[in-house]
Protein backbone atom coordinates (compact mmCIF):
# COMPACT_ATOMS: atom_id res chain seq x y z
CA MET A 1 45.22 1.26 72.99
CA THR A 2 42.49 3.47 74.48
CA ASN A 3 42.96 6.12 71.78
CA LEU A 4 42.72 3.49 69.02
CA ARG A 5 39.49 2.10 70.49
CA GLU A 6 38.00 5.60 70.74
CA SER A 7 39.01 6.33 67.13
CA LEU A 8 37.27 3.21 65.86
CA VAL A 9 34.13 3.98 67.84
CA ASN A 10 34.00 7.51 66.48
CA THR A 11 34.52 6.26 62.89
CA LEU A 12 31.67 3.72 62.90
CA PRO A 13 28.77 6.23 62.74
CA LEU A 14 30.43 8.07 59.88
CA ARG A 15 30.99 4.83 57.96
CA ARG A 16 27.37 3.77 58.46
CA LEU A 17 26.18 7.20 57.30
CA LEU A 18 28.27 6.90 54.13
CA GLN A 19 26.95 3.39 53.46
CA ALA A 20 23.35 4.57 53.90
CA GLY A 21 23.97 7.46 51.50
CA LEU A 22 25.42 5.17 48.83
CA LEU A 23 22.51 2.76 49.22
CA PHE A 24 20.01 5.62 48.79
CA LEU A 25 21.77 6.83 45.64
CA GLY A 26 21.71 3.32 44.20
CA LEU A 27 18.02 2.84 44.89
CA ASN A 28 17.18 6.28 43.54
CA SER A 29 19.08 5.60 40.31
CA GLY A 30 17.25 2.28 39.89
CA ALA A 31 13.90 3.94 40.42
CA GLN A 32 14.67 6.56 37.81
CA ALA A 33 15.78 3.89 35.34
CA GLN A 34 12.53 1.92 35.77
CA GLY A 35 10.25 4.93 36.08
CA PHE A 36 8.38 5.91 39.19
CA PHE A 37 5.09 4.69 37.72
CA GLY A 38 6.24 1.34 36.37
CA PHE A 39 7.40 2.56 32.97
CA GLY A 40 10.77 4.10 32.34
CA GLY A 41 12.97 5.61 29.72
CA ASP A 42 12.81 5.80 25.99
CA GLU A 43 14.31 2.34 25.47
CA GLN A 44 11.78 0.45 27.59
CA THR A 45 8.81 -0.94 25.63
CA PRO A 46 5.51 -0.87 27.55
CA SER A 47 3.55 -4.07 28.08
CA LEU A 48 0.37 -4.37 26.03
CA THR A 49 -2.96 -6.10 26.58
CA LEU A 50 -4.99 -6.96 23.49
CA ALA A 51 -8.65 -6.65 24.45
CA PRO A 52 -10.93 -9.03 22.51
CA ALA A 53 -11.89 -7.33 19.27
CA GLN A 54 -15.56 -6.50 18.80
CA VAL A 55 -16.38 -7.87 15.35
CA ALA A 56 -19.57 -7.97 13.30
CA VAL A 57 -19.71 -9.24 9.71
CA ASP A 58 -22.91 -8.76 7.72
CA ILE A 59 -23.20 -11.02 4.69
CA PRO A 60 -25.70 -10.98 1.82
CA THR A 61 -28.44 -13.57 1.35
CA PRO A 62 -28.54 -14.84 -2.25
CA VAL A 63 -31.93 -14.12 -3.76
CA GLN A 64 -31.11 -14.55 -7.43
CA GLY A 65 -31.89 -17.50 -9.65
CA ASN A 66 -31.92 -21.01 -8.24
CA ASN A 67 -29.77 -20.04 -5.23
CA LEU A 68 -32.88 -19.00 -3.31
CA ALA A 69 -34.43 -22.43 -3.88
CA VAL A 70 -31.24 -24.05 -2.62
CA LEU A 71 -31.27 -21.95 0.55
CA LEU A 72 -34.94 -22.66 1.19
CA ALA A 73 -34.26 -26.37 0.86
CA GLN A 74 -31.36 -26.06 3.32
CA ALA A 75 -33.48 -24.11 5.79
CA GLY A 76 -36.15 -26.82 5.99
CA SER A 77 -39.13 -26.61 8.28
CA ASP A 78 -37.22 -25.87 11.49
CA ASN A 79 -35.08 -23.02 10.19
CA SER A 80 -35.40 -19.83 8.20
CA LEU A 81 -33.33 -17.79 5.81
CA SER A 82 -32.66 -15.27 8.58
CA ALA A 83 -31.37 -18.06 10.84
CA LEU A 84 -29.06 -19.30 8.09
CA LYS A 85 -27.79 -15.79 7.51
CA GLU A 86 -27.19 -15.23 11.23
CA ALA A 87 -25.27 -18.50 11.50
CA ALA A 88 -23.08 -17.57 8.54
CA ALA A 89 -22.52 -14.08 9.97
CA ARG A 90 -21.35 -15.58 13.27
CA LYS A 91 -19.01 -17.93 11.43
CA PHE A 92 -17.33 -15.15 9.48
CA SER A 93 -17.29 -12.80 12.48
CA ASP A 94 -15.44 -15.44 14.50
CA LEU A 95 -13.10 -16.04 11.58
CA LEU A 96 -12.24 -12.34 11.24
CA GLU A 97 -11.77 -11.93 14.99
CA ARG A 98 -9.33 -14.85 15.02
CA LYS A 99 -7.42 -13.63 11.95
CA TRP A 100 -7.10 -10.12 13.38
CA ARG A 101 -5.97 -11.37 16.79
CA ASP A 102 -3.38 -13.70 15.25
CA ARG A 103 -2.09 -10.92 13.01
CA LEU A 104 -1.69 -8.47 15.90
CA GLN A 105 0.04 -11.07 18.06
CA ALA A 106 2.50 -11.87 15.26
CA PHE A 107 3.12 -8.17 14.59
CA PHE A 108 3.83 -7.31 18.23
CA ALA A 109 6.04 -10.38 18.59
CA ASP A 110 8.16 -9.08 15.70
CA GLU A 111 8.24 -5.67 17.38
CA GLU A 112 9.29 -7.33 20.68
CA VAL A 113 6.36 -5.75 22.50
CA PRO A 114 5.55 -7.75 25.66
CA LEU A 115 1.96 -8.99 25.47
CA VAL A 116 0.13 -9.74 28.72
CA GLN A 117 -3.33 -11.18 29.33
CA ARG A 118 -4.40 -8.29 31.55
CA ASP A 119 -3.16 -5.16 33.33
CA GLY A 120 -0.78 -4.15 30.56
CA PHE A 121 0.65 -0.64 30.68
CA LEU A 122 -1.28 -0.11 27.42
CA THR A 123 -4.52 -1.69 26.22
CA MET A 124 -5.52 -1.93 22.56
CA GLN A 125 -9.20 -2.30 21.68
CA SER A 126 -10.33 -2.95 18.09
CA TYR A 127 -13.78 -2.61 16.54
CA LEU A 128 -14.60 -4.08 13.11
CA ASN A 129 -18.00 -3.58 11.53
CA VAL A 130 -17.81 -5.22 8.09
CA ILE A 131 -20.50 -5.34 5.43
CA VAL A 132 -20.11 -7.84 2.57
CA SER A 133 -22.09 -6.90 -0.52
CA LYS A 134 -22.55 -8.71 -3.82
CA GLN A 135 -22.30 -7.06 -7.21
CA LEU A 136 -23.82 -9.37 -9.81
CA THR A 137 -21.94 -9.15 -13.09
CA ASP A 138 -23.55 -11.98 -15.07
CA LEU A 139 -26.30 -14.60 -14.76
CA LYS A 140 -26.58 -17.09 -17.60
CA PRO A 141 -28.50 -20.30 -18.24
CA SER A 142 -26.38 -23.06 -19.73
CA GLY A 143 -28.33 -26.19 -20.68
CA ASP A 144 -29.75 -27.60 -17.48
CA ARG A 145 -27.59 -25.26 -15.41
CA GLU A 146 -27.51 -21.65 -14.30
CA VAL A 147 -24.24 -19.81 -13.63
CA GLU A 148 -23.88 -16.60 -11.62
CA TRP A 149 -20.71 -14.50 -11.59
CA GLY A 150 -20.04 -11.43 -9.53
CA LEU A 151 -17.88 -9.43 -7.14
CA LEU A 152 -17.85 -9.33 -3.37
CA GLU A 153 -17.04 -5.91 -1.93
CA LEU A 154 -16.29 -4.92 1.67
CA SER A 155 -17.45 -1.76 3.40
CA GLY A 156 -18.07 -0.65 6.97
CA ASP A 157 -15.81 0.81 9.67
CA PHE A 158 -12.63 -0.10 11.52
CA HIS A 159 -11.77 1.65 14.77
CA TYR A 160 -9.10 1.05 17.38
CA GLN A 161 -8.05 2.75 20.62
CA LEU A 162 -4.96 2.74 22.83
CA LYS A 163 -5.47 3.48 26.52
CA ASN A 164 -3.20 3.54 29.56
CA THR A 165 -3.73 1.82 32.91
CA SER A 166 -5.98 4.66 34.07
CA GLY A 167 -8.26 4.21 31.06
CA GLU A 168 -7.09 7.48 29.54
CA LEU A 169 -7.33 7.54 25.75
CA LEU A 170 -3.86 8.04 24.25
CA HIS A 171 -4.56 7.41 20.57
CA GLU A 172 -7.37 6.28 18.31
CA GLU A 173 -7.94 5.89 14.59
CA LEU A 174 -11.04 5.36 12.45
CA LEU A 175 -10.91 3.96 8.91
CA LYS A 176 -13.60 3.53 6.28
CA ILE A 177 -13.25 -0.03 4.99
CA ALA A 178 -14.61 0.93 1.57
CA ASP A 179 -11.52 3.13 1.10
CA LEU A 180 -9.36 -0.01 1.22
CA ARG A 181 -11.09 -1.31 -1.94
CA VAL A 182 -11.22 -4.99 -1.01
CA GLN A 183 -12.90 -7.07 -3.74
CA GLU A 184 -13.06 -10.77 -4.60
CA LYS A 185 -14.73 -12.65 -7.45
CA TYR A 186 -17.28 -15.39 -6.80
CA ARG A 187 -19.06 -17.97 -8.95
CA ILE A 188 -22.21 -20.00 -8.29
CA GLU A 189 -23.38 -22.83 -10.53
CA THR A 190 -26.68 -24.64 -9.94
CA ARG A 191 -28.87 -27.10 -11.77
CA ARG A 192 -32.37 -26.22 -12.87
CA ASP A 193 -33.80 -28.38 -10.11
CA GLY A 194 -32.05 -26.16 -7.55
CA SER A 195 -29.24 -28.54 -6.60
CA LYS A 196 -25.93 -26.80 -6.20
CA ILE A 197 -22.90 -27.82 -8.26
CA GLU A 198 -20.39 -25.17 -7.22
CA ASP A 199 -20.45 -22.11 -4.97
CA THR A 200 -17.26 -20.17 -4.30
CA THR A 201 -18.96 -17.45 -2.22
CA ASP A 202 -17.67 -18.62 1.18
CA ALA A 203 -14.13 -19.03 -0.14
CA ALA A 204 -14.31 -15.55 -1.69
CA ILE A 205 -15.47 -14.05 1.62
CA GLU A 206 -12.58 -15.73 3.44
CA ARG A 207 -10.09 -14.35 0.91
CA ALA A 208 -11.63 -10.90 1.22
CA LEU A 209 -11.37 -10.96 5.02
CA GLU A 210 -7.75 -12.09 4.79
CA GLU A 211 -7.03 -9.22 2.41
CA LEU A 212 -8.80 -6.83 4.77
CA VAL A 213 -6.52 -7.90 7.63
CA ASP A 214 -3.47 -7.32 5.42
CA ARG A 215 -4.57 -3.83 4.41
CA LEU A 216 -5.60 -2.81 7.91
CA GLN A 217 -2.17 -3.74 9.24
CA ASP A 218 -0.51 -1.78 6.44
CA ARG A 219 -2.56 1.30 7.31
CA ILE A 220 -2.02 1.34 11.09
CA GLU A 221 1.33 -0.36 11.72
CA ASP A 222 3.31 2.90 11.86
CA ASN A 223 1.15 4.01 14.79
CA ILE A 224 1.46 0.80 16.80
CA GLU A 225 5.11 -0.19 16.29
CA ALA A 226 7.31 -0.38 19.39
CA ASP A 227 8.86 3.10 19.03
CA GLN A 228 5.46 4.70 18.69
CA LEU A 229 4.03 2.75 21.64
CA ARG A 230 6.84 4.12 23.79
CA GLU A 231 5.80 7.62 22.76
CA TRP A 232 2.14 6.98 23.51
CA ALA A 233 3.07 5.53 26.91
CA SER A 234 5.12 8.60 27.83
CA LEU A 235 2.21 11.02 27.32
């Protein structure tokens, strides 16, 4: 009986040592699988924070024909053409920012990239500086009316950056918007007294911005898909 008790006592330290060794191996394997810095192997997709895009849209002020008279009437005594232009620029800037954010969120959802409000392993920052210009193609009087036809063209710059949690730049890309060749037709019809009958300019700008979002995604999606994000995160 004494020998059996002594054998059990001598075995307990060895058993505890083996258990501690197995526990260490298990924890070490788990740490390697997850990555010592919060991001692991090739199959793990890093979390991403979409920083609010910095967007500025510059739009033209119509100065041709009766459209100027219409704008002056809209401005009234308390406003100015510059104030009207600034208000319209804010409207379209907000519209483009929303469209771009929604498009990125949908894209990353399809890619199964986890989006977080802050402190993502990666952060994507976008900059859009868009200039809308008018190319008048025709201006004709028709009875008591005047009709203007033309093209809206987009130019400017698009720039985005991907950074890690330390703020280190991992990837960036700059595109000239004019190279995307976004154009939309517009039509403005006014009476001789300056009252507006039809103006498709705003609708044409909205279509152009939607087309811009489509073409920007087409140009950059290969560099922001899940597989590529994993590569950027491993740098």
